[in-house]
Amino acid sequence: MLKDSPAATVNPDYRRSPVPRYLQIAGVIRRRIEDGVWGPNEKISTLQELEAEFQVARVTVRQAVEVLQGEGLVRRIQGKGTFVSASVEDKRWLKLDLKWHSLAGTIGANIPRFLPVATPPAPPTIRPEDGTPAARYRYLESVQSRRGQPYSFARVHFDAALYELAPARFDREPTIAVVASLEGLKVKRARQSFIVGTVEPRVANLLATGIGFPTVEAHLVITDENDVVIYVADIVYRGDCVQLDIDLLG
């Protein structure tokens, strides 16, 4: 029996999304679990019921369930069905506070895995209202993980002069965490903008997710007291772990 699934009476049009059908279905089931439609240890709809609801082949439903099983959200018991795991972790654990030091602390809480960069890209595009470009930038790429699960991919340009102040820290810590705590460095402006997008093939591989999986993409620009842009980053977050935290009166 389907439980609280209004989509059962709707003809889904999967062509509206570039995301593979099985990932779209996995996303719906995941959301129902997160919303408490099925509680811990509770049996979810059968493969046959899901097949009828989403109007797809049985193999597509199986792929969707396997995705959730790999995430630890459900477990399959031979001859009995598929059940929600006993302990369902809050998937949206990454609360992106829009305050400068809170953001730096959140990102800096995990150790990055720096990626080799064969050919650094051109310097970042800096708008006049952002400030004055630094004389030279260092470029790096990194993946951040939590409990073995990658959740973000970052492309970062930062003022090369800052690297000389703490090379060991820049080589092992998230760049923004180092910048936020450098003694004597005064940040004048820190701006961040977001878009909701979908992941492209290379980043999908780095974040262990499917091509077209939803993402939250942040663009950060940090300027020092002399109006020099010392940090520019583009960070791609897995869309299933992010929650924006905005104080409307702050």
Protein backbone atom coordinates (compact mmCIF):
# COMPACT_ATOMS: atom_id res chain seq x y z
CA MET A 1 0.00 0.00 0.00
CA LEU A 2 1.39 3.40 -0.96
CA LYS A 3 1.65 5.78 1.94
CA ASP A 4 1.11 9.49 1.45
CA SER A 5 2.23 9.48 -2.18
CA PRO A 6 0.15 11.99 -4.16
CA ALA A 7 2.38 11.38 -7.19
CA ALA A 8 0.57 8.04 -7.66
CA THR A 9 -2.20 9.76 -9.63
CA VAL A 10 0.15 11.88 -11.77
CA ASN A 11 1.75 10.90 -15.04
CA PRO A 12 5.44 11.80 -14.52
CA ASP A 13 7.28 13.45 -17.41
CA TYR A 14 10.92 12.47 -16.95
CA ARG A 15 11.97 14.35 -20.07
CA ARG A 16 11.84 17.63 -18.17
CA SER A 17 15.03 16.74 -16.30
CA PRO A 18 18.47 15.67 -17.58
CA VAL A 19 18.80 13.48 -14.47
CA PRO A 20 18.43 9.73 -15.19
CA ARG A 21 15.03 8.34 -14.23
CA TYR A 22 16.32 6.07 -11.50
CA LEU A 23 18.00 9.04 -9.77
CA GLN A 24 14.82 11.10 -10.02
CA ILE A 25 12.87 8.26 -8.38
CA ALA A 26 15.56 7.79 -5.73
CA GLY A 27 15.27 11.50 -4.97
CA VAL A 28 11.51 11.24 -4.41
CA ILE A 29 11.83 8.22 -2.13
CA ARG A 30 14.72 9.87 -0.27
CA ARG A 31 12.62 12.97 0.34
CA ARG A 32 9.73 10.88 1.68
CA ILE A 33 12.06 9.18 4.14
CA GLU A 34 13.52 12.54 5.23
CA ASP A 35 9.99 13.93 5.66
CA GLY A 36 8.96 10.98 7.83
CA VAL A 37 6.52 9.37 5.40
CA TRP A 38 8.24 6.13 6.38
CA GLY A 39 9.85 5.98 9.80
CA PRO A 40 12.91 4.01 10.99
CA ASN A 41 12.55 0.25 10.46
CA GLU A 42 9.32 0.77 8.54
CA LYS A 43 8.69 -1.02 5.26
CA ILE A 44 8.44 1.23 2.20
CA SER A 45 6.30 0.58 -0.87
CA THR A 46 7.01 -2.64 -2.74
CA LEU A 47 8.89 -2.66 -6.03
CA GLN A 48 5.62 -3.45 -7.77
CA GLU A 49 3.88 -0.47 -6.16
CA LEU A 50 6.76 1.86 -6.99
CA GLU A 51 6.83 0.55 -10.54
CA ALA A 52 3.12 1.34 -10.92
CA GLU A 53 3.40 4.75 -9.28
CA PHE A 54 6.37 6.00 -11.27
CA GLN A 55 5.40 4.17 -14.47
CA VAL A 56 8.84 2.79 -15.15
CA ALA A 57 10.36 -0.65 -15.63
CA ARG A 58 11.14 -2.83 -12.63
CA VAL A 59 14.88 -2.53 -13.31
CA THR A 60 14.66 1.28 -12.96
CA VAL A 61 12.96 0.97 -9.57
CA ARG A 62 15.61 -1.53 -8.46
CA GLN A 63 18.37 0.90 -9.46
CA ALA A 64 16.69 3.67 -7.44
CA VAL A 65 16.46 1.46 -4.36
CA GLU A 66 20.07 0.37 -4.77
CA VAL A 67 21.15 4.04 -4.71
CA LEU A 68 19.36 4.56 -1.40
CA GLN A 69 20.75 1.30 -0.05
CA GLY A 70 24.25 2.50 -0.91
CA GLU A 71 23.55 5.72 1.02
CA GLY A 72 22.50 3.70 4.05
CA LEU A 73 18.92 5.01 3.99
CA VAL A 74 17.27 1.65 3.38
CA ARG A 75 18.03 -2.04 3.71
CA ARG A 76 16.56 -4.93 1.73
CA ILE A 77 15.51 -8.16 3.43
CA GLN A 78 15.15 -11.16 1.17
CA GLY A 79 11.52 -12.23 0.92
CA LYS A 80 10.24 -9.37 3.09
CA GLY A 81 10.89 -6.14 1.20
CA THR A 82 12.74 -2.88 1.65
CA PHE A 83 12.87 -1.12 5.03
CA VAL A 84 14.04 2.27 6.23
CA SER A 85 17.26 1.97 8.22
CA ALA A 86 17.03 1.96 12.00
CA SER A 87 18.91 5.23 12.26
CA VAL A 88 18.36 7.82 9.55
CA GLU A 89 20.97 10.55 9.65
CA ASP A 90 20.02 14.12 8.86
CA LYS A 91 21.23 14.34 5.28
CA ARG A 92 21.08 18.13 5.24
CA TRP A 93 23.75 18.46 7.88
CA LEU A 94 25.69 21.18 6.02
CA LYS A 95 24.04 24.38 7.20
CA LEU A 96 25.56 27.24 5.25
CA ASP A 97 25.33 30.21 7.57
CA LEU A 98 25.70 33.37 5.52
CA LYS A 99 27.93 35.10 8.08
CA TRP A 100 31.64 35.30 7.27
CA HIS A 101 33.23 33.63 10.30
CA SER A 102 30.48 31.04 10.62
CA LEU A 103 30.95 30.08 6.98
CA ALA A 104 34.72 29.86 7.34
CA GLY A 105 34.30 27.66 10.40
CA THR A 106 31.84 25.33 8.66
CA ILE A 107 34.02 24.83 5.60
CA GLY A 108 37.17 24.60 7.70
CA ALA A 109 35.82 21.80 9.87
CA ASN A 110 36.94 19.08 7.46
CA ILE A 111 40.29 18.23 5.89
CA PRO A 112 40.36 18.72 2.10
CA ARG A 113 41.81 16.34 -0.46
CA PHE A 114 43.81 18.51 -2.83
CA LEU A 115 43.74 17.49 -6.48
CA PRO A 116 46.63 17.68 -8.94
CA VAL A 117 46.26 20.54 -11.42
CA ALA A 118 48.22 20.05 -14.62
CA THR A 119 47.53 23.45 -16.14
CA PRO A 120 46.24 26.25 -13.91
CA PRO A 121 43.44 28.30 -15.51
CA ALA A 122 43.58 31.99 -16.27
CA PRO A 123 43.31 34.41 -13.34
CA PRO A 124 39.79 34.87 -11.96
CA THR A 125 37.39 37.35 -13.48
CA ILE A 126 37.06 40.24 -11.05
CA ARG A 127 34.39 42.88 -11.43
CA PRO A 128 35.25 46.54 -10.69
CA GLU A 129 32.85 46.54 -7.74
CA ASP A 130 34.66 43.54 -6.23
CA GLY A 131 37.97 45.34 -5.86
CA THR A 132 41.47 45.35 -7.34
CA PRO A 133 43.06 42.11 -8.56
CA ALA A 134 46.07 40.84 -6.64
CA ALA A 135 49.44 40.89 -8.39
CA ARG A 136 49.45 37.09 -8.66
CA TYR A 137 47.14 34.26 -7.66
CA ARG A 138 47.72 30.67 -6.64
CA TYR A 139 45.14 28.16 -7.86
CA LEU A 140 44.01 24.92 -6.31
CA GLU A 141 41.24 22.37 -6.51
CA SER A 142 40.03 20.22 -3.66
CA VAL A 143 37.33 17.81 -2.56
CA GLN A 144 35.97 17.86 0.97
CA SER A 145 34.41 14.82 2.62
CA ARG A 146 32.55 13.96 5.80
CA ARG A 147 32.76 10.44 7.17
CA GLY A 148 34.18 9.26 3.88
CA GLN A 149 31.40 10.84 1.80
CA PRO A 150 32.49 13.65 -0.55
CA TYR A 151 30.18 16.64 -0.35
CA SER A 152 31.90 19.56 -2.10
CA PHE A 153 34.35 20.41 -4.86
CA ALA A 154 36.17 23.73 -4.78
CA ARG A 155 38.08 25.76 -7.34
CA VAL A 156 40.02 28.48 -5.52
CA HIS A 157 42.20 31.43 -6.52
CA PHE A 158 43.91 33.22 -3.64
CA ASP A 159 46.54 35.94 -3.34
CA ALA A 160 49.96 34.32 -3.78
CA ALA A 161 51.43 36.72 -1.23
CA LEU A 162 49.27 35.15 1.48
CA TYR A 163 50.71 31.71 0.83
CA GLU A 164 54.13 32.87 1.99
CA LEU A 165 52.66 33.78 5.39
CA ALA A 166 51.55 30.22 6.21
CA PRO A 167 52.61 27.73 3.51
CA ALA A 168 52.24 24.64 5.70
CA ARG A 169 48.68 25.54 6.67
CA PHE A 170 47.67 26.37 3.11
CA ASP A 171 49.00 22.95 2.04
CA ARG A 172 46.78 21.02 4.44
CA GLU A 173 43.78 23.15 5.49
CA PRO A 174 40.83 24.63 3.59
CA THR A 175 42.05 27.91 2.14
CA ILE A 176 39.14 29.95 3.48
CA ALA A 177 39.83 28.73 7.03
CA VAL A 178 43.45 29.87 6.78
CA VAL A 179 42.50 33.24 5.30
CA ALA A 180 39.95 33.82 8.06
CA SER A 181 42.51 33.23 10.79
CA LEU A 182 45.70 34.83 9.43
CA GLU A 183 47.10 37.21 12.00
CA GLY A 184 47.13 40.81 10.84
CA LEU A 185 44.90 40.21 7.81
CA LYS A 186 41.79 42.37 7.81
CA VAL A 187 38.85 41.40 5.64
CA LYS A 188 36.87 44.39 4.37
CA ARG A 189 34.25 42.59 2.27
CA ALA A 190 33.16 38.99 1.89
CA ARG A 191 30.41 38.35 -0.64
CA GLN A 192 28.76 35.10 -1.57
CA SER A 193 26.16 34.25 -4.21
CA PHE A 194 24.36 30.98 -4.92
CA ILE A 195 22.77 29.21 -7.84
CA VAL A 196 21.04 25.85 -7.99
CA GLY A 197 22.42 23.66 -10.75
CA THR A 198 23.21 20.13 -11.83
CA VAL A 199 26.54 18.35 -11.72
CA GLU A 200 28.68 17.79 -14.80
CA PRO A 201 30.55 14.50 -15.47
CA ARG A 202 33.94 15.25 -13.91
CA VAL A 203 32.49 16.71 -10.72
CA ALA A 204 29.91 13.93 -10.53
CA ASN A 205 32.76 11.46 -10.38
CA LEU A 206 34.55 13.45 -7.66
CA LEU A 207 31.39 13.76 -5.55
CA ALA A 208 30.38 10.12 -6.10
CA THR A 209 27.02 11.02 -7.56
CA GLY A 210 25.16 10.76 -10.84
CA ILE A 211 25.51 13.12 -13.78
CA GLY A 212 22.82 15.77 -13.55
CA PHE A 213 22.44 15.35 -9.77
CA PRO A 214 21.22 18.62 -8.15
CA THR A 215 23.86 20.92 -6.73
CA VAL A 216 24.17 24.19 -4.84
CA GLU A 217 26.95 26.30 -6.34
CA ALA A 218 28.52 29.12 -4.38
CA HIS A 219 30.71 31.96 -5.66
CA LEU A 220 32.79 33.68 -2.96
CA VAL A 221 34.82 36.88 -3.24
CA ILE A 222 36.90 38.20 -0.32
CA THR A 223 38.57 41.62 -0.29
CA ASP A 224 41.13 42.95 2.18
CA GLU A 225 41.35 46.37 3.81
CA ASN A 226 43.19 47.73 0.74
CA ASP A 227 40.37 46.65 -1.61
CA VAL A 228 42.54 43.87 -3.03
CA VAL A 229 40.62 40.72 -3.95
CA ILE A 230 42.53 38.07 -2.01
CA TYR A 231 40.22 35.08 -2.48
CA VAL A 232 37.87 33.92 -5.23
CA ALA A 233 36.22 30.53 -5.06
CA ASP A 234 33.60 28.51 -6.86
CA ILE A 235 32.33 25.68 -4.70
CA VAL A 236 29.95 22.95 -5.83
CA TYR A 237 27.99 21.26 -3.04
CA ARG A 238 25.94 18.09 -3.32
CA GLY A 239 22.37 19.32 -3.26
CA ASP A 240 21.24 16.58 -0.89
CA CYS A 241 23.35 17.71 2.07
CA VAL A 242 22.96 21.51 2.02
CA GLN A 243 20.65 23.69 4.04
CA LEU A 244 20.86 27.48 3.79
CA ASP A 245 20.54 29.22 7.14
CA ILE A 246 19.52 32.87 6.78
CA ASP A 247 18.76 35.25 9.67
CA LEU A 248 16.30 37.65 8.08
CA LEU A 249 16.67 40.10 10.96
CA GLY A 250 20.43 39.82 11.23
